[in-house]
Structures are given as C-alpha cells and as structure tokens.
Amino acid sequence: MLTVVLGAAIIALVFVSQDHWRRGLLGLGVVLLAGAVLRLVLPTRRAGLLAVRSRVFDVATLVALGMTIVAVTLAVPAPGS
C-alpha cells in the first residue's frame, strides 16, 4: 500500500514542479488523507509500511498533515485575485 501512496504523492509533486502548485499540493493533501483511510481500514499486515507506529498514531499523523496541507493551500489567494 505504501507504493500506491508514494506513487500518487510523486505524481502530485510532479504537478508542483510544473508550476501547477495549487493542484499538486491539493493532490498531495488528498493522498495523505487517503493513506490515513487505508491505514485505518486495512489490517496491519496488509497496510505494509503504512504501519509505522500504532494505528491511532499513524492515522492521526496522516490526517493532521493532509488537512494542514489542504488548509494552507486553500488559504493562499489565487493569482490575480
């Protein structure tokens, strides 16, 4: 599962590198939130390297990071506004 999350995160970062920073960072935030959902619903042995600490810690960390990235990205005014 970590491969799927990392692959999606790399795609989001490619968007950032091509000057589509808002779309890329929103994508990265969504990927982290999706990783939190995967960690929450999958058994530890199927979660693979998404399981770092306890389930609660992993989910809380991924949700906090994902929500922070999404909130900060949406808080920055769009160019030309």
Protein backbone atom coordinates (compact mmCIF):
# COMPACT_ATOMS: atom_id res chain seq x y z
CA MET A 1 0.00 0.00 0.00
CA LEU A 2 2.89 2.35 0.65
CA THR A 3 3.83 2.04 -3.03
CA VAL A 4 0.40 3.28 -4.08
CA VAL A 5 0.52 6.23 -1.68
CA LEU A 6 4.09 7.13 -2.65
CA GLY A 7 3.30 6.84 -6.35
CA ALA A 8 0.36 9.19 -6.02
CA ALA A 9 2.44 11.60 -3.93
CA ILE A 10 5.15 11.64 -6.62
CA ILE A 11 2.53 12.42 -9.26
CA ALA A 12 1.26 15.30 -7.10
CA LEU A 13 4.80 16.62 -6.70
CA VAL A 14 5.31 16.47 -10.47
CA PHE A 15 2.34 18.83 -10.78
CA VAL A 16 4.01 21.16 -8.28
CA SER A 17 7.27 21.06 -10.24
CA GLN A 18 5.41 22.05 -13.42
CA ASP A 19 4.01 25.25 -11.87
CA HIS A 20 0.62 23.73 -11.04
CA TRP A 21 1.36 24.15 -7.34
CA ARG A 22 -2.23 24.50 -6.13
CA ARG A 23 -3.42 21.38 -7.92
CA GLY A 24 -0.32 19.45 -6.86
CA LEU A 25 -0.49 20.41 -3.19
CA LEU A 26 -4.22 19.71 -3.01
CA GLY A 27 -3.48 16.34 -4.56
CA LEU A 28 -0.74 15.69 -2.03
CA GLY A 29 -3.09 16.54 0.84
CA VAL A 30 -5.74 14.21 -0.56
CA VAL A 31 -3.15 11.45 -0.98
CA LEU A 32 -2.17 11.77 2.69
CA LEU A 33 -5.84 11.63 3.72
CA ALA A 34 -6.32 8.56 1.52
CA GLY A 35 -3.29 6.99 3.21
CA ALA A 36 -4.94 7.65 6.57
CA VAL A 37 -8.11 5.90 5.41
CA LEU A 38 -6.10 2.94 4.11
CA ARG A 39 -4.21 2.68 7.40
CA LEU A 40 -7.49 2.84 9.29
CA VAL A 41 -9.34 0.13 7.38
CA LEU A 42 -6.58 -2.32 6.43
CA PRO A 43 -5.22 -4.90 8.87
CA THR A 44 -1.66 -4.16 9.96
CA ARG A 45 -0.15 -6.97 7.89
CA ARG A 46 -1.87 -5.64 4.71
CA ALA A 47 -1.01 -2.00 5.43
CA GLY A 48 2.65 -2.78 4.95
CA LEU A 49 4.95 0.18 5.59
CA LEU A 50 1.99 2.48 6.22
CA ALA A 51 2.01 0.85 9.65
CA VAL A 52 4.83 2.66 11.44
CA ARG A 53 3.56 3.04 14.99
CA SER A 54 0.14 2.31 16.44
CA ARG A 55 -2.88 2.62 14.19
CA VAL A 56 -4.15 5.68 16.10
CA PHE A 57 -0.80 7.48 15.83
CA ASP A 58 -0.41 6.71 12.11
CA VAL A 59 -3.94 7.83 11.23
CA ALA A 60 -3.74 10.96 13.38
CA THR A 61 -0.40 11.97 11.84
CA LEU A 62 -1.55 11.41 8.25
CA VAL A 63 -4.83 13.28 8.85
CA ALA A 64 -3.04 16.19 10.52
CA LEU A 65 -0.52 16.51 7.70
CA GLY A 66 -3.14 16.10 4.96
CA MET A 67 -5.55 18.61 6.48
CA THR A 68 -2.76 21.12 7.10
CA ILE A 69 -1.54 20.95 3.51
CA VAL A 70 -5.08 21.31 2.15
CA ALA A 71 -5.93 24.20 4.52
CA VAL A 72 -2.74 26.15 3.79
CA THR A 73 -3.11 25.60 0.04
CA LEU A 74 -6.70 26.87 0.09
CA ALA A 75 -5.75 29.82 2.32
CA VAL A 76 -3.28 31.22 -0.24
CA PRO A 77 -5.15 33.56 -2.58
CA ALA A 78 -5.26 32.58 -6.22
CA PRO A 79 -3.09 34.67 -8.52
CA GLY A 80 -4.97 37.63 -9.90
CA SER A 81 -7.45 37.76 -7.01
